[in-house]
Amino acid sequence: MTKRFVSELVAGGALDEVFMLAQRAMAHKKDGNPFLNVTLSDRTGQIKGVVWDQVERIAAAVAEGDFVHVRAQVGEYRGSLQLVIKDMVRVPADQVDAGDFLAVTTRDVGKMFDRLKEMTARMQTPHLKALFEAFWTDDAFVADYTRAPAAKLMHHAYIGGLLEHTLSMAILSELIAGHYSGVDRDMLLAGVILHDVGKTRELEYTRRIDYTDEGRLLSHIIIGLSMLDEKLKQVPDFPDVQAHLLKHMIVSHHGERAFGSPEPPKTIEAVLLNYIDEMDSRVNSIREYVAQDPSDGSWTPYHRLLERHFYKGPGNSDAG
């Protein structure tokens, strides 16, 4: 049977399908009776749902992260699709195709990784070149680094997203380093490649994209520093000053304390890293938002976080 994805659902029809149970929360009506709010997902997106009947039985049978077989009616609530769920039961993981539930980069992962390795192989700084040899010969790390998403929701939130984001930034860093005099090209490239390395452990991405316990407790910045320290021990006589500068790039890449960086950027390379990261992540998130808009108009719906509509071009207009 052909799977019906979230992106294909329309109001007014019945639904009998398997999804990932991304979130669940028990609540109570005014009369004290319980109901269950859920969020279901697949590789195309998420949809909210509510369970009004047999709430306790269904809640006891499923947990967040489970694959669930759902029988429901597709309706609308406050302008968005919502499922009124009649029944929901757990489905064993070996009975589903995991590819239906996690979005994957459209780029060739092998080619992207080969290009990134080629860029580090051209480094002129021996200790940085040796550092990346230590990373690239760690098979377990490479498996995680080439599979991890770059975020849970905001940008490059799909399998291979971290590698795609990093390579894009690496290409930008070479162009920018060639434009400004006095930029340490190797340090900038090293910071680009390692700035989000902690996301390989901050995020869980086997069944769904979500935060690990380690990720919630420490954040990818702290995890990234720890991972860097582990590899620095494998490079004899790595200069202390260079180690501090590289760690500073990880620490400061969000740009401001308000955005999660313990320190703001204090070197030219760290400043450039922050702007390159912001530019690449912002362009990707806007492109994803525009691509996911199903309307035929020239403008997207209002983007609450960025506080604006985005123009899609005259080719999308109903006029004419």
C-alpha atoms as a PDB file:
ATOM      1  CA  MET A   1       0.000   0.000   0.000  1.00  0.00           C
ATOM      2  CA  THR A   2       1.334   3.438  -0.969  1.00  0.00           C
ATOM      3  CA  LYS A   3       2.089   5.619   2.021  1.00  0.00           C
ATOM      4  CA  ARG A   4       0.212   8.890   2.452  1.00  0.00           C
ATOM      5  CA  PHE A   5       2.610  11.533   3.694  1.00  0.00           C
ATOM      6  CA  VAL A   6       1.796  14.509   5.898  1.00  0.00           C
ATOM      7  CA  SER A   7       2.307  16.866   2.951  1.00  0.00           C
ATOM      8  CA  GLU A   8      -0.434  15.042   1.012  1.00  0.00           C
ATOM      9  CA  LEU A   9      -3.167  15.259   3.649  1.00  0.00           C
ATOM     10  CA  VAL A  10      -6.257  17.390   3.062  1.00  0.00           C
ATOM     11  CA  ALA A  11      -9.184  18.159   5.315  1.00  0.00           C
ATOM     12  CA  GLY A  12     -12.292  16.047   5.081  1.00  0.00           C
ATOM     13  CA  GLY A  13     -10.938  12.565   4.582  1.00  0.00           C
ATOM     14  CA  ALA A  14     -10.311   9.478   6.665  1.00  0.00           C
ATOM     15  CA  LEU A  15      -6.769   8.378   7.416  1.00  0.00           C
ATOM     16  CA  ASP A  16      -5.313   4.929   8.044  1.00  0.00           C
ATOM     17  CA  GLU A  17      -1.530   5.302   8.104  1.00  0.00           C
ATOM     18  CA  VAL A  18       1.761   4.894  10.005  1.00  0.00           C
ATOM     19  CA  PHE A  19       3.618   7.915  11.395  1.00  0.00           C
ATOM     20  CA  MET A  20       6.259   8.725  13.965  1.00  0.00           C
ATOM     21  CA  LEU A  21       4.891   9.901  17.311  1.00  0.00           C
ATOM     22  CA  ALA A  22       7.041  12.998  17.770  1.00  0.00           C
ATOM     23  CA  GLN A  23       5.291  14.446  20.843  1.00  0.00           C
ATOM     24  CA  ARG A  24       2.453  13.616  23.217  1.00  0.00           C
ATOM     25  CA  ALA A  25       0.953  15.489  26.137  1.00  0.00           C
ATOM     26  CA  MET A  26      -1.973  14.608  28.377  1.00  0.00           C
ATOM     27  CA  ALA A  27      -4.421  17.384  29.228  1.00  0.00           C
ATOM     28  CA  HIS A  28      -7.868  17.664  30.791  1.00  0.00           C
ATOM     29  CA  LYS A  29     -11.154  19.145  29.669  1.00  0.00           C
ATOM     30  CA  LYS A  30     -13.196  21.437  31.901  1.00  0.00           C
ATOM     31  CA  ASP A  31     -15.192  18.447  33.125  1.00  0.00           C
ATOM     32  CA  GLY A  32     -11.965  16.773  34.277  1.00  0.00           C
ATOM     33  CA  ASN A  33     -11.883  14.080  31.596  1.00  0.00           C
ATOM     34  CA  PRO A  34      -8.488  13.556  29.935  1.00  0.00           C
ATOM     35  CA  PHE A  35      -7.560  14.069  26.300  1.00  0.00           C
ATOM     36  CA  LEU A  36      -4.281  13.562  24.485  1.00  0.00           C
ATOM     37  CA  ASN A  37      -2.511  16.080  22.241  1.00  0.00           C
ATOM     38  CA  VAL A  38      -0.021  14.546  19.847  1.00  0.00           C
ATOM     39  CA  THR A  39       2.313  15.562  17.049  1.00  0.00           C
ATOM     40  CA  LEU A  40       2.836  13.026  14.267  1.00  0.00           C
ATOM     41  CA  SER A  41       5.592  13.253  11.680  1.00  0.00           C
ATOM     42  CA  ASP A  42       7.156  11.738   8.607  1.00  0.00           C
ATOM     43  CA  ARG A  43       9.868  12.930   6.267  1.00  0.00           C
ATOM     44  CA  THR A  44       7.597  15.595   4.743  1.00  0.00           C
ATOM     45  CA  GLY A  45       6.549  17.363   7.938  1.00  0.00           C
ATOM     46  CA  GLN A  46       4.412  17.257  11.056  1.00  0.00           C
ATOM     47  CA  ILE A  47       0.708  17.372  11.887  1.00  0.00           C
ATOM     48  CA  LYS A  48      -1.089  17.900  15.188  1.00  0.00           C
ATOM     49  CA  GLY A  49      -3.672  15.445  16.448  1.00  0.00           C
ATOM     50  CA  VAL A  50      -6.022  14.991  19.370  1.00  0.00           C
ATOM     51  CA  VAL A  51      -7.416  11.880  21.038  1.00  0.00           C
ATOM     52  CA  TRP A  52     -10.781  12.376  22.731  1.00  0.00           C
ATOM     53  CA  ASP A  53     -11.885   8.769  23.318  1.00  0.00           C
ATOM     54  CA  GLN A  54     -10.156   5.767  24.928  1.00  0.00           C
ATOM     55  CA  VAL A  55      -7.474   8.198  25.978  1.00  0.00           C
ATOM     56  CA  GLU A  56      -5.918   6.224  28.819  1.00  0.00           C
ATOM     57  CA  ARG A  57      -5.727   2.984  26.799  1.00  0.00           C
ATOM     58  CA  ILE A  58      -4.079   4.717  23.840  1.00  0.00           C
ATOM     59  CA  ALA A  59      -1.721   6.754  26.036  1.00  0.00           C
ATOM     60  CA  ALA A  60      -0.542   3.588  27.797  1.00  0.00           C
ATOM     61  CA  ALA A  61       0.149   1.844  24.484  1.00  0.00           C
ATOM     62  CA  VAL A  62       2.414   4.393  22.774  1.00  0.00           C
ATOM     63  CA  ALA A  63       5.407   6.556  23.665  1.00  0.00           C
ATOM     64  CA  GLU A  64       7.280   9.416  22.038  1.00  0.00           C
ATOM     65  CA  GLY A  65       9.612   8.070  19.373  1.00  0.00           C
ATOM     66  CA  ASP A  66       7.373   5.097  18.523  1.00  0.00           C
ATOM     67  CA  PHE A  67       6.129   4.343  15.053  1.00  0.00           C
ATOM     68  CA  VAL A  68       2.342   4.330  15.349  1.00  0.00           C
ATOM     69  CA  HIS A  69      -0.509   3.102  13.190  1.00  0.00           C
ATOM     70  CA  VAL A  70      -3.174   5.793  13.243  1.00  0.00           C
ATOM     71  CA  ARG A  71      -6.846   5.736  12.302  1.00  0.00           C
ATOM     72  CA  ALA A  72      -8.183   9.271  12.196  1.00  0.00           C
ATOM     73  CA  GLN A  73     -10.283  11.895  10.513  1.00  0.00           C
ATOM     74  CA  VAL A  74      -8.445  14.808   8.896  1.00  0.00           C
ATOM     75  CA  GLY A  75      -9.975  18.151   9.835  1.00  0.00           C
ATOM     76  CA  GLU A  76      -9.008  21.759  10.434  1.00  0.00           C
ATOM     77  CA  TYR A  77      -8.497  23.697  13.649  1.00  0.00           C
ATOM     78  CA  ARG A  78      -7.627  27.389  13.734  1.00  0.00           C
ATOM     79  CA  GLY A  79      -6.571  27.372  10.102  1.00  0.00           C
ATOM     80  CA  SER A  80      -4.300  24.322  10.264  1.00  0.00           C
ATOM     81  CA  LEU A  81      -4.860  20.645   9.582  1.00  0.00           C
ATOM     82  CA  GLN A  82      -5.550  18.514  12.639  1.00  0.00           C
ATOM     83  CA  LEU A  83      -6.259  14.833  13.105  1.00  0.00           C
ATOM     84  CA  VAL A  84      -9.087  13.609  15.298  1.00  0.00           C
ATOM     85  CA  ILE A  85      -7.637  10.239  16.220  1.00  0.00           C
ATOM     86  CA  LYS A  86      -9.885   7.232  16.710  1.00  0.00           C
ATOM     87  CA  ASP A  87      -7.157   4.706  17.446  1.00  0.00           C
ATOM     88  CA  MET A  88      -3.375   4.575  17.642  1.00  0.00           C
ATOM     89  CA  VAL A  89      -1.189   1.523  18.242  1.00  0.00           C
ATOM     90  CA  ARG A  90       2.557   0.971  18.271  1.00  0.00           C
ATOM     91  CA  VAL A  91       4.224  -0.556  15.202  1.00  0.00           C
ATOM     92  CA  PRO A  92       7.536  -2.481  15.535  1.00  0.00           C
ATOM     93  CA  ALA A  93      10.437  -0.598  13.937  1.00  0.00           C
ATOM     94  CA  ASP A  94      11.370  -3.543  11.732  1.00  0.00           C
ATOM     95  CA  GLN A  95       7.989  -3.302  10.024  1.00  0.00           C
ATOM     96  CA  VAL A  96       8.461   0.212   8.665  1.00  0.00           C
ATOM     97  CA  ASP A  97      10.750   1.868   6.140  1.00  0.00           C
ATOM     98  CA  ALA A  98      12.821   4.361   8.126  1.00  0.00           C
ATOM     99  CA  GLY A  99      13.313   6.357   4.931  1.00  0.00           C
ATOM    100  CA  ASP A 100       9.652   7.393   5.130  1.00  0.00           C
ATOM    101  CA  PHE A 101      10.218   9.204   8.411  1.00  0.00           C
ATOM    102  CA  LEU A 102      13.489  11.102   8.138  1.00  0.00           C
ATOM    103  CA  ALA A 103      14.165  13.671   5.435  1.00  0.00           C
ATOM    104  CA  VAL A 104      17.525  13.180   3.685  1.00  0.00           C
ATOM    105  CA  THR A 105      19.792  15.575   1.817  1.00  0.00           C
ATOM    106  CA  THR A 106      19.371  15.514  -1.959  1.00  0.00           C
ATOM    107  CA  ARG A 107      23.123  15.928  -2.378  1.00  0.00           C
ATOM    108  CA  ASP A 108      25.611  13.055  -2.805  1.00  0.00           C
ATOM    109  CA  VAL A 109      27.052  12.491   0.683  1.00  0.00           C
ATOM    110  CA  GLY A 110      30.162  10.695  -0.585  1.00  0.00           C
ATOM    111  CA  LYS A 111      31.039  13.478  -3.003  1.00  0.00           C
ATOM    112  CA  MET A 112      30.443  16.160  -0.384  1.00  0.00           C
ATOM    113  CA  PHE A 113      32.681  14.427   2.125  1.00  0.00           C
ATOM    114  CA  ASP A 114      35.410  13.818  -0.456  1.00  0.00           C
ATOM    115  CA  ARG A 115      35.431  17.516  -1.304  1.00  0.00           C
ATOM    116  CA  LEU A 116      35.699  18.478   2.357  1.00  0.00           C
ATOM    117  CA  LYS A 117      38.630  16.070   2.815  1.00  0.00           C
ATOM    118  CA  GLU A 118      40.304  17.511  -0.279  1.00  0.00           C
ATOM    119  CA  MET A 119      40.036  20.994   1.223  1.00  0.00           C
ATOM    120  CA  THR A 120      41.694  19.955   4.490  1.00  0.00           C
ATOM    121  CA  ALA A 121      44.377  18.061   2.583  1.00  0.00           C
ATOM    122  CA  ARG A 122      45.390  21.397   0.972  1.00  0.00           C
ATOM    123  CA  MET A 123      45.924  23.075   4.345  1.00  0.00           C
ATOM    124  CA  GLN A 124      49.358  24.679   4.717  1.00  0.00           C
ATOM    125  CA  THR A 125      49.377  24.520   8.527  1.00  0.00           C
ATOM    126  CA  PRO A 126      50.868  21.137   9.540  1.00  0.00           C
ATOM    127  CA  HIS A 127      49.213  20.828  12.958  1.00  0.00           C
ATOM    128  CA  LEU A 128      45.746  21.659  11.568  1.00  0.00           C
ATOM    129  CA  LYS A 129      46.236  19.210   8.727  1.00  0.00           C
ATOM    130  CA  ALA A 130      47.233  16.537  11.256  1.00  0.00           C
ATOM    131  CA  LEU A 131      44.185  17.378  13.390  1.00  0.00           C
ATOM    132  CA  PHE A 132      41.825  16.657  10.514  1.00  0.00           C
ATOM    133  CA  GLU A 133      43.657  13.461   9.663  1.00  0.00           C
ATOM    134  CA  ALA A 134      42.809  12.381  13.228  1.00  0.00           C
ATOM    135  CA  PHE A 135      39.143  13.232  12.676  1.00  0.00           C
ATOM    136  CA  TRP A 136      38.856  11.679   9.200  1.00  0.00           C
ATOM    137  CA  THR A 137      40.485   8.379  10.191  1.00  0.00           C
ATOM    138  CA  ASP A 138      37.957   7.933  13.021  1.00  0.00           C
ATOM    139  CA  ASP A 139      35.377   5.779  11.239  1.00  0.00           C
ATOM    140  CA  ALA A 140      32.728   6.111  13.970  1.00  0.00           C
ATOM    141  CA  PHE A 141      33.027   9.884  13.919  1.00  0.00           C
ATOM    142  CA  VAL A 142      32.867  10.060  10.123  1.00  0.00           C
ATOM    143  CA  ALA A 143      29.728   7.896  10.099  1.00  0.00           C
ATOM    144  CA  ASP A 144      28.034  10.327  12.489  1.00  0.00           C
ATOM    145  CA  TYR A 145      29.409  13.477  10.856  1.00  0.00           C
ATOM    146  CA  THR A 146      28.172  12.537   7.394  1.00  0.00           C
ATOM    147  CA  ARG A 147      24.727  11.500   8.633  1.00  0.00           C
ATOM    148  CA  ALA A 148      23.876  14.108  11.274  1.00  0.00           C
ATOM    149  CA  PRO A 149      21.369  16.917  10.652  1.00  0.00           C
ATOM    150  CA  ALA A 150      22.452  20.495  11.299  1.00  0.00           C
ATOM    151  CA  ALA A 151      19.400  21.288  13.431  1.00  0.00           C
ATOM    152  CA  LYS A 152      16.134  19.890  14.720  1.00  0.00           C
ATOM    153  CA  LEU A 153      13.936  22.362  12.867  1.00  0.00           C
ATOM    154  CA  MET A 154      15.479  25.622  11.703  1.00  0.00           C
ATOM    155  CA  HIS A 155      17.900  24.812   8.864  1.00  0.00           C
ATOM    156  CA  HIS A 156      19.395  21.750   7.166  1.00  0.00           C
ATOM    157  CA  ALA A 157      17.124  19.688   9.429  1.00  0.00           C
ATOM    158  CA  TYR A 158      17.576  16.412   7.589  1.00  0.00           C
ATOM    159  CA  ILE A 159      19.989  13.488   7.387  1.00  0.00           C
ATOM    160  CA  GLY A 160      23.250  14.730   5.882  1.00  0.00           C
ATOM    161  CA  GLY A 161      22.285  18.319   6.668  1.00  0.00           C
ATOM    162  CA  LEU A 162      25.342  18.998   8.841  1.00  0.00           C
ATOM    163  CA  LEU A 163      27.724  17.925   6.081  1.00  0.00           C
ATOM    164  CA  GLU A 164      25.798  19.903   3.450  1.00  0.00           C
ATOM    165  CA  HIS A 165      25.802  23.011   5.655  1.00  0.00           C
ATOM    166  CA  THR A 166      29.492  22.629   6.516  1.00  0.00           C
ATOM    167  CA  LEU A 167      30.640  22.148   2.931  1.00  0.00           C
ATOM    168  CA  SER A 168      28.641  25.163   1.771  1.00  0.00           C
ATOM    169  CA  MET A 169      30.261  27.230   4.514  1.00  0.00           C
ATOM    170  CA  ALA A 170      33.707  25.864   3.658  1.00  0.00           C
ATOM    171  CA  ILE A 171      33.330  26.966   0.034  1.00  0.00           C
ATOM    172  CA  LEU A 172      32.188  30.407   1.184  1.00  0.00           C
ATOM    173  CA  SER A 173      35.118  30.640   3.603  1.00  0.00           C
ATOM    174  CA  GLU A 174      37.641  30.131   0.796  1.00  0.00           C
ATOM    175  CA  LEU A 175      36.009  32.856  -1.288  1.00  0.00           C
ATOM    176  CA  ILE A 176      35.876  35.298   1.619  1.00  0.00           C
ATOM    177  CA  ALA A 177      39.410  34.551   2.804  1.00  0.00           C
ATOM    178  CA  GLY A 178      40.605  35.373  -0.704  1.00  0.00           C
ATOM    179  CA  HIS A 179      38.838  38.722  -0.588  1.00  0.00           C
ATOM    180  CA  TYR A 180      40.153  40.061   2.720  1.00  0.00           C
ATOM    181  CA  SER A 181      43.856  40.392   3.408  1.00  0.00           C
ATOM    182  CA  GLY A 182      45.347  39.000   6.582  1.00  0.00           C
ATOM    183  CA  VAL A 183      42.811  36.208   7.109  1.00  0.00           C
ATOM    184  CA  ASP A 184      44.221  32.886   8.333  1.00  0.00           C
ATOM    185  CA  ARG A 185      42.609  30.665   5.684  1.00  0.00           C
ATOM    186  CA  ASP A 186      43.414  27.400   7.444  1.00  0.00           C
ATOM    187  CA  MET A 187      42.105  28.585  10.807  1.00  0.00           C
ATOM    188  CA  LEU A 188      38.896  29.875   9.223  1.00  0.00           C
ATOM    189  CA  LEU A 189      38.361  26.593   7.374  1.00  0.00           C
ATOM    190  CA  ALA A 190      39.113  24.593  10.537  1.00  0.00           C
ATOM    191  CA  GLY A 191      36.594  26.637  12.506  1.00  0.00           C
ATOM    192  CA  VAL A 192      33.971  26.178   9.797  1.00  0.00           C
ATOM    193  CA  ILE A 193      34.376  22.402   9.756  1.00  0.00           C
ATOM    194  CA  LEU A 194      34.374  22.052  13.555  1.00  0.00           C
ATOM    195  CA  HIS A 195      31.940  24.763  14.670  1.00  0.00           C
ATOM    196  CA  ASP A 196      28.929  22.392  14.797  1.00  0.00           C
ATOM    197  CA  VAL A 197      30.789  19.123  15.320  1.00  0.00           C
ATOM    198  CA  GLY A 198      29.036  18.657  18.663  1.00  0.00           C
ATOM    199  CA  LYS A 199      25.713  18.245  16.864  1.00  0.00           C
ATOM    200  CA  THR A 200      26.733  14.685  16.036  1.00  0.00           C
ATOM    201  CA  ARG A 201      26.002  13.990  19.703  1.00  0.00           C
ATOM    202  CA  GLU A 202      23.621  16.827  20.589  1.00  0.00           C
ATOM    203  CA  LEU A 203      21.012  15.420  18.218  1.00  0.00           C
ATOM    204  CA  GLU A 204      19.430  11.983  17.898  1.00  0.00           C
ATOM    205  CA  TYR A 205      18.653  11.032  14.301  1.00  0.00           C
ATOM    206  CA  THR A 206      17.915   7.325  14.050  1.00  0.00           C
ATOM    207  CA  ARG A 207      14.093   7.459  14.090  1.00  0.00           C
ATOM    208  CA  ARG A 208      13.458  11.177  14.444  1.00  0.00           C
ATOM    209  CA  ILE A 209      15.456  14.341  14.826  1.00  0.00           C
ATOM    210  CA  ASP A 210      15.437  15.395  18.457  1.00  0.00           C
ATOM    211  CA  TYR A 211      17.813  16.306  21.250  1.00  0.00           C
ATOM    212  CA  THR A 212      19.739  13.672  23.166  1.00  0.00           C
ATOM    213  CA  ASP A 213      20.006  13.877  26.954  1.00  0.00           C
ATOM    214  CA  GLU A 214      23.644  14.928  26.511  1.00  0.00           C
ATOM    215  CA  GLY A 215      22.578  17.584  24.031  1.00  0.00           C
ATOM    216  CA  ARG A 216      19.963  19.104  26.298  1.00  0.00           C
ATOM    217  CA  LEU A 217      22.296  19.089  29.291  1.00  0.00           C
ATOM    218  CA  LEU A 218      25.441  20.409  27.600  1.00  0.00           C
ATOM    219  CA  SER A 219      24.668  21.890  24.126  1.00  0.00           C
ATOM    220  CA  HIS A 220      26.646  21.261  20.973  1.00  0.00           C
ATOM    221  CA  ILE A 221      29.160  23.975  21.863  1.00  0.00           C
ATOM    222  CA  ILE A 222      30.308  22.223  25.054  1.00  0.00           C
ATOM    223  CA  ILE A 223      30.184  18.818  23.374  1.00  0.00           C
ATOM    224  CA  GLY A 224      32.189  20.172  20.447  1.00  0.00           C
ATOM    225  CA  LEU A 225      34.915  21.482  22.756  1.00  0.00           C
ATOM    226  CA  SER A 226      35.158  18.060  24.384  1.00  0.00           C
ATOM    227  CA  MET A 227      35.399  16.311  21.002  1.00  0.00           C
ATOM    228  CA  LEU A 228      38.093  18.742  19.871  1.00  0.00           C
ATOM    229  CA  ASP A 229      40.075  18.169  23.056  1.00  0.00           C
ATOM    230  CA  GLU A 230      39.998  14.413  22.446  1.00  0.00           C
ATOM    231  CA  LYS A 231      41.523  14.845  18.986  1.00  0.00           C
ATOM    232  CA  LEU A 232      44.034  17.513  20.023  1.00  0.00           C
ATOM    233  CA  LYS A 233      45.616  14.913  22.333  1.00  0.00           C
ATOM    234  CA  GLN A 234      46.369  12.829  19.236  1.00  0.00           C
ATOM    235  CA  VAL A 235      48.402  15.605  17.563  1.00  0.00           C
ATOM    236  CA  PRO A 236      51.886  15.907  19.133  1.00  0.00           C
ATOM    237  CA  ASP A 237      52.965  19.417  20.118  1.00  0.00           C
ATOM    238  CA  PHE A 238      49.811  21.143  18.903  1.00  0.00           C
ATOM    239  CA  PRO A 239      50.466  24.838  19.723  1.00  0.00           C
ATOM    240  CA  ASP A 240      48.515  26.051  22.744  1.00  0.00           C
ATOM    241  CA  VAL A 241      47.694  29.422  21.201  1.00  0.00           C
ATOM    242  CA  GLN A 242      46.308  27.797  18.052  1.00  0.00           C
ATOM    243  CA  ALA A 243      44.243  25.397  20.180  1.00  0.00           C
ATOM    244  CA  HIS A 244      42.784  28.346  22.098  1.00  0.00           C
ATOM    245  CA  LEU A 245      41.965  30.217  18.882  1.00  0.00           C
ATOM    246  CA  LEU A 246      40.256  27.169  17.404  1.00  0.00           C
ATOM    247  CA  LYS A 247      38.239  26.559  20.579  1.00  0.00           C
ATOM    248  CA  HIS A 248      37.256  30.229  20.587  1.00  0.00           C
ATOM    249  CA  MET A 249      35.715  29.788  17.148  1.00  0.00           C
ATOM    250  CA  ILE A 250      33.504  26.990  18.443  1.00  0.00           C
ATOM    251  CA  VAL A 251      32.623  28.977  21.575  1.00  0.00           C
ATOM    252  CA  SER A 252      31.744  32.182  19.720  1.00  0.00           C
ATOM    253  CA  HIS A 253      30.148  31.015  16.471  1.00  0.00           C
ATOM    254  CA  HIS A 254      26.610  32.023  17.519  1.00  0.00           C
ATOM    255  CA  GLY A 255      27.845  35.604  17.677  1.00  0.00           C
ATOM    256  CA  GLU A 256      26.280  36.829  20.908  1.00  0.00           C
ATOM    257  CA  ARG A 257      25.742  35.587  24.442  1.00  0.00           C
ATOM    258  CA  ALA A 258      22.001  36.071  23.933  1.00  0.00           C
ATOM    259  CA  PHE A 259      22.147  33.526  21.103  1.00  0.00           C
ATOM    260  CA  GLY A 260      24.050  30.906  23.104  1.00  0.00           C
ATOM    261  CA  SER A 261      27.708  31.812  22.656  1.00  0.00           C
ATOM    262  CA  PRO A 262      29.620  32.001  25.950  1.00  0.00           C
ATOM    263  CA  GLU A 263      31.822  34.667  24.329  1.00  0.00           C
ATOM    264  CA  PRO A 264      31.344  36.909  21.278  1.00  0.00           C
ATOM    265  CA  PRO A 265      33.788  36.569  18.348  1.00  0.00           C
ATOM    266  CA  LYS A 266      37.119  38.217  19.168  1.00  0.00           C
ATOM    267  CA  THR A 267      39.231  37.377  16.094  1.00  0.00           C
ATOM    268  CA  ILE A 268      38.670  38.186  12.434  1.00  0.00           C
ATOM    269  CA  GLU A 269      38.327  34.469  11.673  1.00  0.00           C
ATOM    270  CA  ALA A 270      35.711  34.035  14.426  1.00  0.00           C
ATOM    271  CA  VAL A 271      33.760  37.062  13.186  1.00  0.00           C
ATOM    272  CA  LEU A 272      33.780  35.705   9.628  1.00  0.00           C
ATOM    273  CA  LEU A 273      32.708  32.267  10.858  1.00  0.00           C
ATOM    274  CA  ASN A 274      29.706  33.767  12.640  1.00  0.00           C
ATOM    275  CA  TYR A 275      28.546  35.655   9.541  1.00  0.00           C
ATOM    276  CA  ILE A 276      29.169  32.736   7.173  1.00  0.00           C
ATOM    277  CA  ASP A 277      27.194  30.438   9.471  1.00  0.00           C
ATOM    278  CA  GLU A 278      24.342  32.935   9.750  1.00  0.00           C
ATOM    279  CA  MET A 279      24.225  33.513   5.991  1.00  0.00           C
ATOM    280  CA  ASP A 280      24.201  29.862   4.991  1.00  0.00           C
ATOM    281  CA  SER A 281      21.701  28.765   7.632  1.00  0.00           C
ATOM    282  CA  ARG A 282      19.371  31.703   6.909  1.00  0.00           C
ATOM    283  CA  VAL A 283      19.357  31.133   3.137  1.00  0.00           C
ATOM    284  CA  ASN A 284      18.630  27.430   3.624  1.00  0.00           C
ATOM    285  CA  SER A 285      15.810  28.027   6.092  1.00  0.00           C
ATOM    286  CA  ILE A 286      14.149  30.614   3.804  1.00  0.00           C
ATOM    287  CA  ARG A 287      14.444  28.341   0.786  1.00  0.00           C
ATOM    288  CA  GLU A 288      12.888  25.498   2.743  1.00  0.00           C
ATOM    289  CA  TYR A 289      10.062  27.753   3.921  1.00  0.00           C
ATOM    290  CA  VAL A 290       9.317  28.919   0.378  1.00  0.00           C
ATOM    291  CA  ALA A 291       9.533  25.385  -1.044  1.00  0.00           C
ATOM    292  CA  GLN A 292       7.089  24.038   1.541  1.00  0.00           C
ATOM    293  CA  ASP A 293       4.457  26.706   0.879  1.00  0.00           C
ATOM    294  CA  PRO A 294       1.631  24.991  -1.052  1.00  0.00           C
ATOM    295  CA  SER A 295      -0.181  28.205  -2.025  1.00  0.00           C
ATOM    296  CA  ASP A 296      -0.239  29.582  -5.562  1.00  0.00           C
ATOM    297  CA  GLY A 297       0.227  33.245  -4.643  1.00  0.00           C
ATOM    298  CA  SER A 298       3.298  35.401  -5.157  1.00  0.00           C
ATOM    299  CA  TRP A 299       3.972  35.590  -1.404  1.00  0.00           C
ATOM    300  CA  THR A 300       4.462  33.057   1.358  1.00  0.00           C
ATOM    301  CA  PRO A 301       2.450  33.162   4.582  1.00  0.00           C
ATOM    302  CA  TYR A 302       3.889  35.352   7.333  1.00  0.00           C
ATOM    303  CA  HIS A 303       7.062  33.886   8.834  1.00  0.00           C
ATOM    304  CA  ARG A 304       6.627  34.481  12.561  1.00  0.00           C
ATOM    305  CA  LEU A 305      10.283  34.068  13.548  1.00  0.00           C
ATOM    306  CA  LEU A 306      11.667  36.276  10.767  1.00  0.00           C
ATOM    307  CA  GLU A 307       8.648  38.610  10.947  1.00  0.00           C
ATOM    308  CA  ARG A 308       7.979  38.952   7.233  1.00  0.00           C
ATOM    309  CA  HIS A 309       6.422  37.422   4.138  1.00  0.00           C
ATOM    310  CA  PHE A 310       8.748  36.164   1.388  1.00  0.00           C
ATOM    311  CA  TYR A 311       8.247  36.979  -2.291  1.00  0.00           C
ATOM    312  CA  LYS A 312       8.091  33.883  -4.481  1.00  0.00           C
ATOM    313  CA  GLY A 313       8.011  35.679  -7.818  1.00  0.00           C
ATOM    314  CA  PRO A 314       5.349  36.560 -10.402  1.00  0.00           C
ATOM    315  CA  GLY A 315       5.324  33.016 -11.761  1.00  0.00           C
ATOM    316  CA  ASN A 316       3.496  31.895  -8.603  1.00  0.00           C
ATOM    317  CA  SER A 317       0.727  34.468  -8.815  1.00  0.00           C
ATOM    318  CA  ASP A 318      -2.902  33.606  -9.416  1.00  0.00           C
ATOM    319  CA  ALA A 319      -3.212  36.728 -11.551  1.00  0.00           C
ATOM    320  CA  GLY A 320      -3.127  36.465 -15.309  1.00  0.00           C
END
